[in-house]
Protein backbone atom coordinates (compact mmCIF):
# COMPACT_ATOMS: atom_id res chain seq x y z
CA MET A 1 -15.87 70.92 -20.52
CA ALA A 2 -14.09 73.18 -18.07
CA ILE A 3 -10.63 74.48 -17.41
CA LEU A 4 -9.63 73.42 -13.91
CA ASP A 5 -7.31 75.23 -11.49
CA ILE A 6 -3.83 73.71 -11.33
CA LEU A 7 -2.20 73.42 -7.90
CA HIS A 8 1.28 74.92 -7.63
CA PHE A 9 4.27 73.84 -5.56
CA PRO A 10 4.68 74.07 -2.57
CA ASP A 11 0.94 73.36 -2.08
CA GLU A 12 0.81 70.36 0.26
CA ARG A 13 -2.13 68.84 -1.63
CA LEU A 14 0.38 67.88 -4.33
CA ARG A 15 1.84 65.43 -1.77
CA ARG A 16 -1.41 63.50 -1.30
CA LYS A 17 -1.66 60.04 -2.79
CA ALA A 18 -4.48 59.38 -5.20
CA LYS A 19 -7.01 56.62 -4.63
CA THR A 20 -7.80 53.83 -7.06
CA VAL A 21 -10.77 54.45 -9.34
CA ALA A 22 -13.33 51.71 -8.79
CA GLN A 23 -15.18 52.21 -12.05
CA VAL A 24 -14.84 54.42 -15.12
CA ASP A 25 -18.19 56.17 -15.36
CA ASP A 26 -19.51 59.44 -16.76
CA ARG A 27 -17.99 61.38 -13.85
CA ILE A 28 -14.51 60.01 -14.61
CA ARG A 29 -14.96 60.60 -18.36
CA GLN A 30 -15.95 64.22 -17.61
CA LEU A 31 -12.87 64.58 -15.40
CA ILE A 32 -10.72 63.24 -18.26
CA ASP A 33 -12.28 65.72 -20.72
CA ASP A 34 -11.74 68.62 -18.30
CA MET A 35 -8.16 67.51 -17.66
CA PHE A 36 -7.40 67.46 -21.39
CA GLU A 37 -8.88 70.93 -21.82
CA THR A 38 -6.87 72.19 -18.83
CA MET A 39 -3.64 70.56 -20.06
CA TYR A 40 -3.98 71.94 -23.59
CA ASP A 41 -4.84 75.42 -22.27
CA ALA A 42 -1.85 75.53 -19.90
CA PRO A 43 -0.16 74.36 -22.30
CA GLY A 44 1.37 71.05 -21.28
CA ILE A 45 1.87 67.47 -22.43
CA GLY A 46 0.69 65.67 -19.30
CA LEU A 47 -1.55 66.21 -16.30
CA ALA A 48 -2.46 64.12 -13.26
CA ALA A 49 -5.77 64.45 -11.42
CA VAL A 50 -3.88 65.32 -8.22
CA GLN A 51 -2.65 68.50 -9.93
CA VAL A 52 -6.25 69.68 -10.29
CA ASN A 53 -7.18 68.81 -6.69
CA VAL A 54 -8.84 65.47 -7.52
CA PHE A 55 -7.26 62.58 -5.64
CA GLU A 56 -8.05 59.71 -7.98
CA ARG A 57 -5.62 57.73 -10.15
CA VAL A 58 -6.24 59.41 -13.51
CA ILE A 59 -3.68 60.90 -15.91
CA VAL A 60 -3.87 62.43 -19.36
CA VAL A 61 -1.00 62.73 -21.82
CA ASP A 62 -0.53 64.05 -25.36
CA ILE A 63 3.04 64.47 -26.57
CA SER A 64 2.04 65.28 -30.17
CA GLU A 65 2.69 68.76 -31.56
CA ASP A 66 -0.83 68.96 -33.03
CA ARG A 67 -2.79 67.46 -30.09
CA THR A 68 -3.84 64.40 -32.05
CA GLN A 69 -2.63 61.65 -29.69
CA PRO A 70 -4.61 62.08 -26.47
CA LEU A 71 -4.03 59.24 -24.02
CA ALA A 72 -6.11 58.86 -20.86
CA LEU A 73 -5.00 56.30 -18.29
CA VAL A 74 -7.01 55.29 -15.23
CA ASN A 75 -5.24 53.40 -12.43
CA PRO A 76 -1.96 53.25 -14.40
CA GLU A 77 0.60 50.82 -13.07
CA ILE A 78 4.09 50.36 -14.47
CA THR A 79 4.98 46.69 -14.76
CA ARG A 80 8.40 47.03 -16.44
CA LEU A 81 11.15 49.65 -16.46
CA ASP A 82 14.09 49.44 -18.86
CA GLY A 83 17.10 51.60 -19.69
CA VAL A 84 17.90 55.10 -18.50
CA GLU A 85 16.94 58.41 -20.09
CA GLU A 86 18.04 61.82 -18.82
CA MET A 87 15.76 64.57 -20.00
CA ASP A 88 14.87 68.14 -19.08
CA GLU A 89 11.54 68.06 -17.28
CA GLY A 90 9.13 70.80 -16.41
CA CYS A 91 5.77 70.68 -14.68
CA LEU A 92 2.55 72.66 -14.79
CA SER A 93 2.61 72.61 -10.97
CA VAL A 94 6.17 74.00 -10.86
CA PRO A 95 5.89 76.72 -13.52
CA GLY A 96 8.98 78.05 -15.25
CA ILE A 97 11.35 75.44 -13.80
CA PHE A 98 13.18 72.91 -15.98
CA GLU A 99 15.78 70.45 -14.67
CA LYS A 100 17.40 67.25 -15.88
CA VAL A 101 15.89 64.08 -14.38
CA LYS A 102 16.90 60.44 -14.93
CA ARG A 103 14.07 58.00 -15.58
CA ALA A 104 13.54 54.70 -17.37
CA ASP A 105 13.72 55.04 -21.15
CA ALA A 106 11.17 52.30 -21.82
CA ILE A 107 8.22 51.06 -19.79
CA THR A 108 5.34 48.65 -19.93
CA LEU A 109 2.19 49.57 -18.09
CA LYS A 110 -1.34 48.45 -17.52
CA ALA A 111 -4.31 50.72 -16.97
CA MET A 112 -7.91 51.28 -17.92
CA ASN A 113 -8.68 53.54 -20.83
CA ARG A 114 -11.39 56.21 -21.07
CA ASP A 115 -13.97 53.48 -21.70
CA GLY A 116 -12.95 51.41 -18.66
CA VAL A 117 -11.28 48.75 -20.81
CA GLN A 118 -8.14 47.21 -19.30
CA ILE A 119 -5.13 47.81 -21.57
CA GLU A 120 -1.44 47.03 -21.54
CA MET A 121 1.01 49.13 -23.49
CA ASP A 122 4.68 49.82 -24.08
CA ALA A 123 6.12 53.32 -24.22
CA ASP A 124 9.58 54.73 -24.73
CA GLY A 125 11.38 58.06 -24.95
CA LEU A 126 9.34 61.17 -24.20
CA LEU A 127 6.07 59.25 -23.79
CA ALA A 128 7.64 56.91 -21.21
CA VAL A 129 9.14 59.84 -19.30
CA CYS A 130 5.86 61.77 -19.35
CA ILE A 131 3.86 58.78 -18.08
CA GLN A 132 6.36 58.18 -15.25
CA HIS A 133 6.22 61.89 -14.33
CA GLU A 134 2.40 61.83 -14.14
CA ILE A 135 2.27 58.56 -12.19
CA ASP A 136 4.67 60.15 -9.70
CA HIS A 137 2.04 62.87 -9.13
CA LEU A 138 -0.50 60.17 -8.26
CA ASP A 139 1.93 58.98 -5.59
CA GLY A 140 2.51 62.47 -4.16
CA LYS A 141 5.90 62.90 -5.79
CA LEU A 142 7.17 65.82 -7.89
CA PHE A 143 10.00 65.85 -10.41
CA ILE A 144 11.93 68.22 -8.16
CA ASP A 145 12.13 65.41 -5.58
CA TYR A 146 14.79 63.89 -7.85
CA LEU A 147 16.94 67.01 -7.39
CA SER A 148 19.33 67.95 -4.61
CA GLU A 149 17.98 69.75 -1.54
CA LEU A 150 19.95 72.85 -2.59
CA LYS A 151 18.21 72.95 -5.97
CA ARG A 152 14.80 72.43 -4.33
CA GLN A 153 15.45 75.36 -1.96
CA ARG A 154 16.41 77.56 -4.94
CA ILE A 155 13.20 76.58 -6.72
CA ARG A 156 11.08 77.35 -3.61
CA LYS A 157 12.65 80.81 -3.33
CA LYS A 158 12.22 81.54 -7.04
CA LEU A 159 8.56 80.50 -7.01
CA ALA A 160 7.84 82.43 -3.78
CA LYS A 161 9.41 85.56 -5.30
CA HIS A 162 7.31 85.12 -8.45
CA GLN A 163 4.11 84.72 -6.37
CA VAL A 164 4.84 87.93 -4.44
CA SER A 165 5.49 89.80 -7.71
CA ALA A 166 2.28 88.45 -9.27
CA ALA A 167 0.24 89.40 -6.19
CA SER A 168 1.68 92.95 -6.23
CA ALA A 169 0.99 93.35 -9.95
CA SER A 170 -2.65 92.33 -9.50
CA ARG A 171 -3.36 95.05 -6.90
CA LYS A 172 -5.23 98.05 -8.15
CA VAL A 173 -4.04 101.46 -7.04
CA ILE A 174 -6.72 104.14 -6.65
């Protein structure tokens, strides 16, 4: 397994749409394993392949405190949305930023699992929100797209300032 590099906003690759996975094979299973390792290391509760510069429809999620409920979904497709939930969201690709976003409180989806078996499942609360957030990544959408333009500009400036500070701190003075 390997820890993959996570793309950060405003990287334009985060806006690319992921392609459908034709078949779950050893390569996809290895990607899933690497994505879980990357997500847990970050640490986070969800990760989409697009965030690690792989443009295929694969997401991993684990909302448990003890990392005992890993869920890998290949070609996830939401078939039902119900209710409204407003929750603070953050994102490994938009580090340090948390904002309230409205999403469906309950969903039904179909996908393939890690073994390539077609499944259908219901999710609600945090799991439903997390899955919707990760599927958005597969479609080139970020949670900040739900915010006002003013808030997005503030976030861009904050992240740019942080990147400049991090770059300065990493320079060695002789």
